[in-house]
C-alpha atoms as a PDB file:
ATOM      1  CA  MET A   1    -140.086 -40.260-265.260  1.00  0.00           C
ATOM      2  CA  LEU A   2    -142.953 -41.559-263.139  1.00  0.00           C
ATOM      3  CA  LEU A   3    -144.298 -43.338-266.230  1.00  0.00           C
ATOM      4  CA  LEU A   4    -141.004 -45.174-266.720  1.00  0.00           C
ATOM      5  CA  ILE A   5    -140.883 -46.188-263.071  1.00  0.00           C
ATOM      6  CA  ASP A   6    -144.445 -47.493-263.185  1.00  0.00           C
ATOM      7  CA  LEU A   7    -143.990 -49.245-266.549  1.00  0.00           C
ATOM      8  CA  PRO A   8    -143.214 -52.741-265.173  1.00  0.00           C
ATOM      9  CA  SER A   9    -146.540 -52.738-263.333  1.00  0.00           C
ATOM     10  CA  ILE A  10    -148.315 -53.048-266.691  1.00  0.00           C
ATOM     11  CA  PHE A  11    -147.275 -56.683-266.871  1.00  0.00           C
ATOM     12  CA  ASN A  12    -148.926 -57.481-263.557  1.00  0.00           C
ATOM     13  CA  TYR A  13    -152.189 -57.802-265.464  1.00  0.00           C
ATOM     14  CA  ASP A  14    -153.021 -60.868-267.544  1.00  0.00           C
ATOM     15  CA  PHE A  15    -154.857 -58.885-270.214  1.00  0.00           C
ATOM     16  CA  MET A  16    -151.813 -56.673-270.778  1.00  0.00           C
ATOM     17  CA  ARG A  17    -149.455 -59.624-271.017  1.00  0.00           C
ATOM     18  CA  ASN A  18    -151.784 -61.246-273.552  1.00  0.00           C
ATOM     19  CA  ALA A  19    -151.997 -57.985-275.486  1.00  0.00           C
ATOM     20  CA  PHE A  20    -148.218 -57.544-275.641  1.00  0.00           C
ATOM     21  CA  GLU A  21    -147.660 -61.166-276.641  1.00  0.00           C
ATOM     22  CA  ALA A  22    -150.273 -61.084-279.411  1.00  0.00           C
ATOM     23  CA  GLY A  23    -149.236 -57.585-280.488  1.00  0.00           C
ATOM     24  CA  THR A  24    -145.611 -58.645-280.817  1.00  0.00           C
ATOM     25  CA  ILE A  25    -146.472 -61.670-282.957  1.00  0.00           C
ATOM     26  CA  VAL A  26    -148.849 -59.661-285.137  1.00  0.00           C
ATOM     27  CA  SER A  27    -146.370 -56.819-285.617  1.00  0.00           C
ATOM     28  CA  ILE A  28    -143.576 -59.143-286.722  1.00  0.00           C
ATOM     29  CA  VAL A  29    -145.805 -60.981-289.208  1.00  0.00           C
ATOM     30  CA  ALA A  30    -147.430 -57.794-290.516  1.00  0.00           C
ATOM     31  CA  GLY A  31    -144.068 -56.080-290.890  1.00  0.00           C
ATOM     32  CA  VAL A  32    -142.578 -58.921-292.944  1.00  0.00           C
ATOM     33  CA  VAL A  33    -145.622 -59.719-295.085  1.00  0.00           C
ATOM     34  CA  GLY A  34    -146.456 -56.031-295.452  1.00  0.00           C
ATOM     35  CA  TYR A  35    -143.140 -55.359-297.193  1.00  0.00           C
ATOM     36  CA  PHE A  36    -144.166 -57.610-300.063  1.00  0.00           C
ATOM     37  CA  VAL A  37    -147.698 -56.181-300.048  1.00  0.00           C
ATOM     38  CA  VAL A  38    -146.288 -52.719-300.746  1.00  0.00           C
ATOM     39  CA  LEU A  39    -143.631 -54.027-303.136  1.00  0.00           C
ATOM     40  CA  ARG A  40    -146.200 -55.984-305.188  1.00  0.00           C
ATOM     41  CA  GLY A  41    -148.827 -53.246-305.105  1.00  0.00           C
ATOM     42  CA  LEU A  42    -151.400 -55.381-303.286  1.00  0.00           C
ATOM     43  CA  SER A  43    -152.590 -52.854-300.722  1.00  0.00           C
ATOM     44  CA  PHE A  44    -156.153 -52.934-302.009  1.00  0.00           C
ATOM     45  CA  ALA A  45    -156.163 -56.738-302.037  1.00  0.00           C
ATOM     46  CA  GLY A  46    -155.075 -56.748-298.396  1.00  0.00           C
ATOM     47  CA  HIS A  47    -157.798 -54.265-297.546  1.00  0.00           C
ATOM     48  CA  ALA A  48    -160.342 -56.442-299.371  1.00  0.00           C
ATOM     49  CA  LEU A  49    -159.244 -59.561-297.500  1.00  0.00           C
ATOM     50  CA  ALA A  50    -159.802 -57.756-294.210  1.00  0.00           C
ATOM     51  CA  HIS A  51    -163.372 -56.876-295.193  1.00  0.00           C
ATOM     52  CA  ILE A  52    -164.040 -60.384-296.478  1.00  0.00           C
ATOM     53  CA  GLY A  53    -162.723 -61.711-293.191  1.00  0.00           C
ATOM     54  CA  PHE A  54    -165.263 -59.461-291.446  1.00  0.00           C
ATOM     55  CA  ALA A  55    -168.056 -61.691-292.752  1.00  0.00           C
ATOM     56  CA  GLY A  56    -166.264 -64.760-291.446  1.00  0.00           C
ATOM     57  CA  ALA A  57    -165.642 -63.146-288.063  1.00  0.00           C
ATOM     58  CA  THR A  58    -169.275 -62.132-287.619  1.00  0.00           C
ATOM     59  CA  GLY A  59    -170.394 -65.580-288.734  1.00  0.00           C
ATOM     60  CA  ALA A  60    -168.134 -67.126-286.113  1.00  0.00           C
ATOM     61  CA  VAL A  61    -169.620 -64.828-283.460  1.00  0.00           C
ATOM     62  CA  VAL A  62    -173.116 -66.026-284.409  1.00  0.00           C
ATOM     63  CA  LEU A  63    -171.944 -69.625-284.011  1.00  0.00           C
ATOM     64  CA  GLY A  64    -170.437 -68.819-280.622  1.00  0.00           C
ATOM     65  CA  VAL A  65    -166.777 -69.374-281.516  1.00  0.00           C
ATOM     66  CA  SER A  66    -163.807 -67.015-281.622  1.00  0.00           C
ATOM     67  CA  PRO A  67    -164.018 -64.419-284.430  1.00  0.00           C
ATOM     68  CA  LEU A  68    -160.373 -65.181-285.228  1.00  0.00           C
ATOM     69  CA  TYR A  69    -161.327 -68.605-286.613  1.00  0.00           C
ATOM     70  CA  GLY A  70    -163.906 -67.082-288.941  1.00  0.00           C
ATOM     71  CA  LEU A  71    -161.437 -64.436-290.050  1.00  0.00           C
ATOM     72  CA  ILE A  72    -158.820 -67.014-290.951  1.00  0.00           C
ATOM     73  CA  VAL A  73    -161.214 -69.331-292.822  1.00  0.00           C
ATOM     74  CA  PHE A  74    -162.993 -66.676-294.907  1.00  0.00           C
ATOM     75  CA  SER A  75    -159.910 -64.626-295.760  1.00  0.00           C
ATOM     76  CA  THR A  76    -157.871 -67.752-296.613  1.00  0.00           C
ATOM     77  CA  VAL A  77    -160.507 -69.073-299.011  1.00  0.00           C
ATOM     78  CA  ALA A  78    -160.763 -65.649-300.664  1.00  0.00           C
ATOM     79  CA  SER A  79    -156.972 -65.373-300.887  1.00  0.00           C
ATOM     80  CA  ILE A  80    -156.734 -68.633-302.823  1.00  0.00           C
ATOM     81  CA  GLY A  81    -159.200 -67.267-305.366  1.00  0.00           C
ATOM     82  CA  MET A  82    -157.284 -63.984-305.648  1.00  0.00           C
ATOM     83  CA  GLY A  83    -153.931 -65.718-305.863  1.00  0.00           C
ATOM     84  CA  SER A  84    -155.110 -68.005-308.658  1.00  0.00           C
ATOM     85  CA  LEU A  85    -155.677 -64.898-310.792  1.00  0.00           C
ATOM     86  CA  GLY A  86    -151.916 -64.280-310.747  1.00  0.00           C
ATOM     87  CA  ARG A  87    -151.010 -61.138-312.667  1.00  0.00           C
ATOM     88  CA  ARG A  88    -154.636 -60.816-313.694  1.00  0.00           C
ATOM     89  CA  LEU A  89    -155.346 -59.717-310.136  1.00  0.00           C
ATOM     90  CA  TYR A  90    -154.004 -56.310-311.099  1.00  0.00           C
ATOM     91  CA  GLY A  91    -156.756 -54.251-312.633  1.00  0.00           C
ATOM     92  CA  ARG A  92    -159.483 -56.359-311.014  1.00  0.00           C
ATOM     93  CA  ASP A  93    -160.398 -53.604-308.561  1.00  0.00           C
ATOM     94  CA  VAL A  94    -163.995 -53.552-309.752  1.00  0.00           C
ATOM     95  CA  ALA A  95    -164.528 -57.292-309.314  1.00  0.00           C
ATOM     96  CA  ILE A  96    -162.795 -57.314-305.934  1.00  0.00           C
ATOM     97  CA  GLY A  97    -164.790 -54.284-304.851  1.00  0.00           C
ATOM     98  CA  ILE A  98    -168.059 -56.008-305.746  1.00  0.00           C
ATOM     99  CA  VAL A  99    -167.140 -59.122-303.750  1.00  0.00           C
ATOM    100  CA  LEU A 100    -165.987 -56.889-300.902  1.00  0.00           C
ATOM    101  CA  ALA A 101    -169.314 -55.045-300.800  1.00  0.00           C
ATOM    102  CA  TRP A 102    -171.267 -58.317-300.797  1.00  0.00           C
ATOM    103  CA  THR A 103    -169.241 -59.786-297.934  1.00  0.00           C
ATOM    104  CA  LEU A 104    -169.757 -56.617-295.910  1.00  0.00           C
ATOM    105  CA  GLY A 105    -173.485 -57.059-296.458  1.00  0.00           C
ATOM    106  CA  LEU A 106    -173.145 -60.665-295.363  1.00  0.00           C
ATOM    107  CA  GLY A 107    -171.369 -59.484-292.228  1.00  0.00           C
ATOM    108  CA  VAL A 108    -174.223 -57.077-291.487  1.00  0.00           C
ATOM    109  CA  LEU A 109    -176.668 -59.983-291.850  1.00  0.00           C
ATOM    110  CA  PHE A 110    -174.694 -62.072-289.369  1.00  0.00           C
ATOM    111  CA  LEU A 111    -174.619 -59.164-286.953  1.00  0.00           C
ATOM    112  CA  SER A 112    -178.399 -58.837-287.186  1.00  0.00           C
ATOM    113  CA  LEU A 113    -178.682 -62.520-286.286  1.00  0.00           C
ATOM    114  CA  TYR A 114    -176.381 -62.096-283.304  1.00  0.00           C
ATOM    115  CA  THR A 115    -178.199 -61.574-280.020  1.00  0.00           C
ATOM    116  CA  GLY A 116    -175.179 -60.780-277.885  1.00  0.00           C
ATOM    117  CA  TYR A 117    -173.401 -57.546-277.141  1.00  0.00           C
ATOM    118  CA  ALA A 118    -172.444 -54.997-279.801  1.00  0.00           C
ATOM    119  CA  THR A 119    -168.904 -54.931-278.414  1.00  0.00           C
ATOM    120  CA  GLU A 120    -168.102 -58.031-280.491  1.00  0.00           C
ATOM    121  CA  ALA A 121    -168.841 -56.123-283.699  1.00  0.00           C
ATOM    122  CA  TYR A 122    -166.898 -53.103-282.456  1.00  0.00           C
ATOM    123  CA  ALA A 123    -163.875 -55.284-281.733  1.00  0.00           C
ATOM    124  CA  ILE A 124    -163.986 -56.791-285.225  1.00  0.00           C
ATOM    125  CA  LEU A 125    -164.229 -53.416-286.942  1.00  0.00           C
ATOM    126  CA  PHE A 126    -161.778 -51.418-284.842  1.00  0.00           C
ATOM    127  CA  GLY A 127    -159.745 -54.027-282.960  1.00  0.00           C
ATOM    128  CA  GLU A 128    -159.754 -54.868-279.272  1.00  0.00           C
ATOM    129  CA  ILE A 129    -156.353 -56.226-278.411  1.00  0.00           C
ATOM    130  CA  LEU A 130    -156.924 -55.671-274.685  1.00  0.00           C
ATOM    131  CA  GLY A 131    -159.657 -58.287-274.821  1.00  0.00           C
ATOM    132  CA  ILE A 132    -157.511 -61.035-276.318  1.00  0.00           C
ATOM    133  CA  SER A 133    -157.504 -64.283-274.359  1.00  0.00           C
ATOM    134  CA  LYS A 134    -154.624 -66.668-273.790  1.00  0.00           C
ATOM    135  CA  SER A 135    -156.143 -69.092-276.304  1.00  0.00           C
ATOM    136  CA  ASP A 136    -156.254 -66.298-278.916  1.00  0.00           C
ATOM    137  CA  VAL A 137    -152.564 -65.628-278.292  1.00  0.00           C
ATOM    138  CA  LEU A 138    -151.856 -69.307-278.895  1.00  0.00           C
ATOM    139  CA  VAL A 139    -153.861 -69.310-282.134  1.00  0.00           C
ATOM    140  CA  THR A 140    -152.015 -66.178-283.237  1.00  0.00           C
ATOM    141  CA  LEU A 141    -148.687 -67.854-282.523  1.00  0.00           C
ATOM    142  CA  LEU A 142    -149.709 -71.050-284.337  1.00  0.00           C
ATOM    143  CA  ALA A 143    -150.709 -68.971-287.363  1.00  0.00           C
ATOM    144  CA  GLY A 144    -147.736 -66.622-287.193  1.00  0.00           C
ATOM    145  CA  ILE A 145    -144.885 -69.134-287.048  1.00  0.00           C
ATOM    146  CA  PRO A 146    -145.921 -71.120-290.167  1.00  0.00           C
ATOM    147  CA  THR A 147    -146.538 -67.825-291.982  1.00  0.00           C
ATOM    148  CA  LEU A 148    -142.989 -66.626-291.335  1.00  0.00           C
ATOM    149  CA  LEU A 149    -141.467 -70.036-292.118  1.00  0.00           C
ATOM    150  CA  ALA A 150    -143.373 -70.289-295.400  1.00  0.00           C
ATOM    151  CA  LEU A 151    -142.361 -66.765-296.355  1.00  0.00           C
ATOM    152  CA  ALA A 152    -138.731 -67.552-295.572  1.00  0.00           C
ATOM    153  CA  ALA A 153    -138.954 -70.633-297.814  1.00  0.00           C
ATOM    154  CA  ILE A 154    -140.175 -68.631-300.824  1.00  0.00           C
ATOM    155  CA  TYR A 155    -138.303 -65.414-300.032  1.00  0.00           C
ATOM    156  CA  ARG A 156    -135.817 -65.380-302.911  1.00  0.00           C
ATOM    157  CA  PRO A 157    -138.167 -66.367-305.771  1.00  0.00           C
ATOM    158  CA  LEU A 158    -140.923 -64.141-304.341  1.00  0.00           C
ATOM    159  CA  LEU A 159    -138.532 -61.179-304.177  1.00  0.00           C
ATOM    160  CA  PHE A 160    -137.379 -61.875-307.739  1.00  0.00           C
ATOM    161  CA  ALA A 161    -140.952 -62.113-309.008  1.00  0.00           C
ATOM    162  CA  SER A 162    -141.972 -58.977-307.104  1.00  0.00           C
ATOM    163  CA  PHE A 163    -139.297 -56.883-308.790  1.00  0.00           C
ATOM    164  CA  ASP A 164    -139.693 -58.287-312.323  1.00  0.00           C
ATOM    165  CA  GLU A 165    -142.412 -60.891-312.827  1.00  0.00           C
ATOM    166  CA  GLU A 166    -141.844 -61.393-316.561  1.00  0.00           C
ATOM    167  CA  VAL A 167    -138.123 -62.068-316.217  1.00  0.00           C
ATOM    168  CA  ALA A 168    -138.758 -64.349-313.234  1.00  0.00           C
ATOM    169  CA  GLU A 169    -141.309 -66.331-315.232  1.00  0.00           C
ATOM    170  CA  GLY A 170    -138.825 -66.614-318.090  1.00  0.00           C
ATOM    171  CA  ARG A 171    -136.293 -68.052-315.650  1.00  0.00           C
ATOM    172  CA  GLY A 172    -138.737 -70.762-314.615  1.00  0.00           C
ATOM    173  CA  VAL A 173    -140.063 -69.249-311.386  1.00  0.00           C
ATOM    174  CA  PRO A 174    -143.568 -70.676-310.654  1.00  0.00           C
ATOM    175  CA  ILE A 175    -145.399 -67.334-310.685  1.00  0.00           C
ATOM    176  CA  ARG A 176    -148.932 -68.689-310.204  1.00  0.00           C
ATOM    177  CA  PHE A 177    -147.901 -70.915-307.304  1.00  0.00           C
ATOM    178  CA  LEU A 178    -146.024 -68.071-305.616  1.00  0.00           C
ATOM    179  CA  SER A 179    -149.033 -65.792-306.060  1.00  0.00           C
ATOM    180  CA  VAL A 180    -151.395 -68.259-304.376  1.00  0.00           C
ATOM    181  CA  VAL A 181    -148.997 -69.006-301.515  1.00  0.00           C
ATOM    182  CA  PHE A 182    -148.325 -65.348-300.847  1.00  0.00           C
ATOM    183  CA  MET A 183    -152.008 -64.434-300.885  1.00  0.00           C
ATOM    184  CA  VAL A 184    -152.676 -67.163-298.307  1.00  0.00           C
ATOM    185  CA  LEU A 185    -149.866 -65.780-296.159  1.00  0.00           C
ATOM    186  CA  LEU A 186    -151.367 -62.316-296.586  1.00  0.00           C
ATOM    187  CA  ALA A 187    -154.746 -63.648-295.441  1.00  0.00           C
ATOM    188  CA  LEU A 188    -153.167 -65.046-292.276  1.00  0.00           C
ATOM    189  CA  ALA A 189    -151.371 -61.758-291.621  1.00  0.00           C
ATOM    190  CA  VAL A 190    -154.597 -59.807-292.147  1.00  0.00           C
ATOM    191  CA  SER A 191    -156.482 -62.107-289.778  1.00  0.00           C
ATOM    192  CA  GLU A 192    -153.893 -61.593-287.074  1.00  0.00           C
ATOM    193  CA  ALA A 193    -153.539 -57.830-287.540  1.00  0.00           C
ATOM    194  CA  THR A 194    -157.312 -57.371-287.361  1.00  0.00           C
ATOM    195  CA  GLN A 195    -157.126 -58.266-283.674  1.00  0.00           C
ATOM    196  CA  VAL A 196    -154.998 -55.194-283.029  1.00  0.00           C
ATOM    197  CA  VAL A 197    -156.422 -52.505-285.304  1.00  0.00           C
ATOM    198  CA  GLY A 198    -159.624 -54.036-286.680  1.00  0.00           C
ATOM    199  CA  VAL A 199    -160.927 -54.485-290.209  1.00  0.00           C
ATOM    200  CA  LEU A 200    -161.280 -50.777-290.961  1.00  0.00           C
ATOM    201  CA  LEU A 201    -157.775 -49.773-289.833  1.00  0.00           C
ATOM    202  CA  ILE A 202    -155.751 -52.673-291.228  1.00  0.00           C
ATOM    203  CA  PHE A 203    -153.481 -50.389-293.296  1.00  0.00           C
ATOM    204  CA  SER A 204    -151.860 -48.976-290.167  1.00  0.00           C
ATOM    205  CA  LEU A 205    -149.933 -52.197-289.474  1.00  0.00           C
ATOM    206  CA  LEU A 206    -149.887 -53.965-292.828  1.00  0.00           C
ATOM    207  CA  VAL A 207    -149.020 -51.074-295.141  1.00  0.00           C
ATOM    208  CA  THR A 208    -147.749 -48.025-293.248  1.00  0.00           C
ATOM    209  CA  PRO A 209    -144.635 -49.559-291.565  1.00  0.00           C
ATOM    210  CA  PRO A 210    -143.266 -51.069-294.808  1.00  0.00           C
ATOM    211  CA  ALA A 211    -144.158 -47.885-296.701  1.00  0.00           C
ATOM    212  CA  ILE A 212    -142.064 -45.929-294.195  1.00  0.00           C
ATOM    213  CA  ALA A 213    -139.227 -48.468-294.369  1.00  0.00           C
ATOM    214  CA  GLN A 214    -139.055 -48.365-298.162  1.00  0.00           C
ATOM    215  CA  ARG A 215    -138.581 -44.597-298.005  1.00  0.00           C
ATOM    216  CA  LEU A 216    -135.609 -45.041-295.689  1.00  0.00           C
ATOM    217  CA  THR A 217    -133.737 -47.803-297.538  1.00  0.00           C
ATOM    218  CA  ALA A 218    -133.786 -49.608-300.882  1.00  0.00           C
ATOM    219  CA  ARG A 219    -132.261 -52.820-299.513  1.00  0.00           C
ATOM    220  CA  PRO A 220    -134.948 -55.514-299.064  1.00  0.00           C
ATOM    221  CA  ALA A 221    -133.532 -57.153-295.935  1.00  0.00           C
ATOM    222  CA  ARG A 222    -132.983 -53.811-294.218  1.00  0.00           C
ATOM    223  CA  ALA A 223    -136.422 -52.575-295.269  1.00  0.00           C
ATOM    224  CA  ILE A 224    -138.089 -55.688-293.833  1.00  0.00           C
ATOM    225  CA  LEU A 225    -136.209 -55.252-290.555  1.00  0.00           C
ATOM    226  CA  LEU A 226    -137.226 -51.592-290.334  1.00  0.00           C
ATOM    227  CA  SER A 227    -140.821 -52.486-291.191  1.00  0.00           C
ATOM    228  CA  VAL A 228    -140.952 -54.951-288.308  1.00  0.00           C
ATOM    229  CA  LEU A 229    -139.319 -52.492-285.911  1.00  0.00           C
ATOM    230  CA  PHE A 230    -141.782 -49.736-286.810  1.00  0.00           C
ATOM    231  CA  ALA A 231    -144.755 -52.094-286.441  1.00  0.00           C
ATOM    232  CA  LEU A 232    -143.481 -53.172-283.025  1.00  0.00           C
ATOM    233  CA  LEU A 233    -142.872 -49.578-281.974  1.00  0.00           C
ATOM    234  CA  PHE A 234    -146.368 -48.458-282.982  1.00  0.00           C
ATOM    235  CA  THR A 235    -148.066 -51.406-281.288  1.00  0.00           C
ATOM    236  CA  TRP A 236    -146.074 -51.323-278.059  1.00  0.00           C
ATOM    237  CA  SER A 237    -146.390 -47.551-277.742  1.00  0.00           C
ATOM    238  CA  GLY A 238    -150.124 -47.766-278.353  1.00  0.00           C
ATOM    239  CA  LEU A 239    -150.526 -50.418-275.672  1.00  0.00           C
ATOM    240  CA  VAL A 240    -148.524 -48.493-273.085  1.00  0.00           C
ATOM    241  CA  ILE A 241    -150.359 -45.213-273.601  1.00  0.00           C
ATOM    242  CA  ALA A 242    -153.780 -46.898-273.770  1.00  0.00           C
ATOM    243  CA  PHE A 243    -153.063 -48.466-270.383  1.00  0.00           C
ATOM    244  CA  TYR A 244    -152.954 -45.005-268.814  1.00  0.00           C
ATOM    245  CA  LEU A 245    -155.511 -43.210-270.986  1.00  0.00           C
ATOM    246  CA  PRO A 246    -159.173 -44.231-271.575  1.00  0.00           C
ATOM    247  CA  TYR A 247    -158.922 -44.342-275.366  1.00  0.00           C
ATOM    248  CA  PRO A 248    -158.728 -47.244-277.867  1.00  0.00           C
ATOM    249  CA  VAL A 249    -155.367 -48.855-278.589  1.00  0.00           C
ATOM    250  CA  SER A 250    -156.090 -48.770-282.320  1.00  0.00           C
ATOM    251  CA  PHE A 251    -156.353 -44.963-282.212  1.00  0.00           C
ATOM    252  CA  PHE A 252    -152.845 -44.631-280.818  1.00  0.00           C
ATOM    253  CA  VAL A 253    -151.381 -47.281-283.152  1.00  0.00           C
ATOM    254  CA  THR A 254    -152.837 -45.646-286.255  1.00  0.00           C
ATOM    255  CA  SER A 255    -151.896 -42.162-285.072  1.00  0.00           C
ATOM    256  CA  PHE A 256    -148.266 -43.114-284.433  1.00  0.00           C
ATOM    257  CA  ALA A 257    -148.086 -44.840-287.817  1.00  0.00           C
ATOM    258  CA  PHE A 258    -149.624 -41.894-289.664  1.00  0.00           C
ATOM    259  CA  GLY A 259    -147.506 -39.328-287.815  1.00  0.00           C
ATOM    260  CA  THR A 260    -144.277 -41.216-288.537  1.00  0.00           C
ATOM    261  CA  TYR A 261    -145.149 -41.548-292.217  1.00  0.00           C
ATOM    262  CA  ILE A 262    -145.811 -37.804-292.448  1.00  0.00           C
ATOM    263  CA  LEU A 263    -142.497 -37.037-290.747  1.00  0.00           C
ATOM    264  CA  VAL A 264    -140.617 -39.311-293.155  1.00  0.00           C
ATOM    265  CA  ARG A 265    -142.330 -37.745-296.156  1.00  0.00           C
ATOM    266  CA  LEU A 266    -141.551 -34.290-294.792  1.00  0.00           C
ATOM    267  CA  GLY A 267    -137.928 -35.301-294.298  1.00  0.00           C
ATOM    268  CA  ASP A 268    -137.735 -36.479-297.917  1.00  0.00           C
ATOM    269  CA  TYR A 269    -139.239 -33.221-299.102  1.00  0.00           C
ATOM    270  CA  LEU A 270    -136.790 -31.106-297.125  1.00  0.00           C
ATOM    271  CA  LYS A 271    -133.855 -33.262-298.174  1.00  0.00           C
ATOM    272  CA  HIS A 272    -134.653 -33.089-301.883  1.00  0.00           C
ATOM    273  CA  GLY A 273    -135.677 -29.447-301.636  1.00  0.00           C
ATOM    274  CA  MET A 274    -132.326 -28.489-300.145  1.00  0.00           C
ATOM    275  CA  ALA A 275    -130.476 -30.597-302.709  1.00  0.00           C
ATOM    276  CA  VAL A 276    -131.976 -28.619-305.583  1.00  0.00           C
ATOM    277  CA  LYS A 277    -130.284 -25.254-305.853  1.00  0.00           C
ATOM    278  CA  PRO A 278    -132.038 -22.393-307.599  1.00  0.00           C
ATOM    279  CA  LEU A 279    -130.651 -21.263-310.955  1.00  0.00           C
ATOM    280  CA  ASP A 280    -128.710 -17.983-310.995  1.00  0.00           C
END
């Protein structure tokens, strides 16, 4: 009860307002884009883009600019290359893994060249949403709005191609173009989500909420809405609790996401277990 009464005081602080604003934008984008990531089986590609963006972020830190700019540039360039592979992207885990390992090494090199504080590297790897500035919120908004608008523009053909790529291609849907555009949108979503949970924990916002939503409904529009709501719930809850406890926001976000997923899986198990009656 005391927590609820004291809740409005959180917004008396600039860093909390910035965190909630950025977290809201990131959660909406990650929830929408993440649905198609899960539907198209691109979880590993999203994870790879986050690690590739790590090299760009550390390079930006060395140059003295915001890591977010480096994240966006590196991950976007990589996404164009991945998207151009089209359906050949599937089964390229080895090639992607090799590029991923090299970019991580490149990130380590940039970190060794950086003479500042280690907190910059920590923020990139594990997220530091409480340290987001007003300018970072603006950049996040400027990246988030076009991402959602572009996704809305290609929603129907992308959904068609995600369910049955061969039939969609036979109907004249530009599969290669859609693949490139979506991978660029994924890169932008990854860059934004990294601010909240970091490179190493990107799955908690980009994959877990839509994975939960798809277990609750088979309808795309409803699943996307649920994905966004779960992402918002995890982020907001993590921010509120981290305000009162001296632990990282990303820990609470990932824990809430993981716990909810386990509960949903357990619910499915109990539901199907009760539906199956033993033979006499």
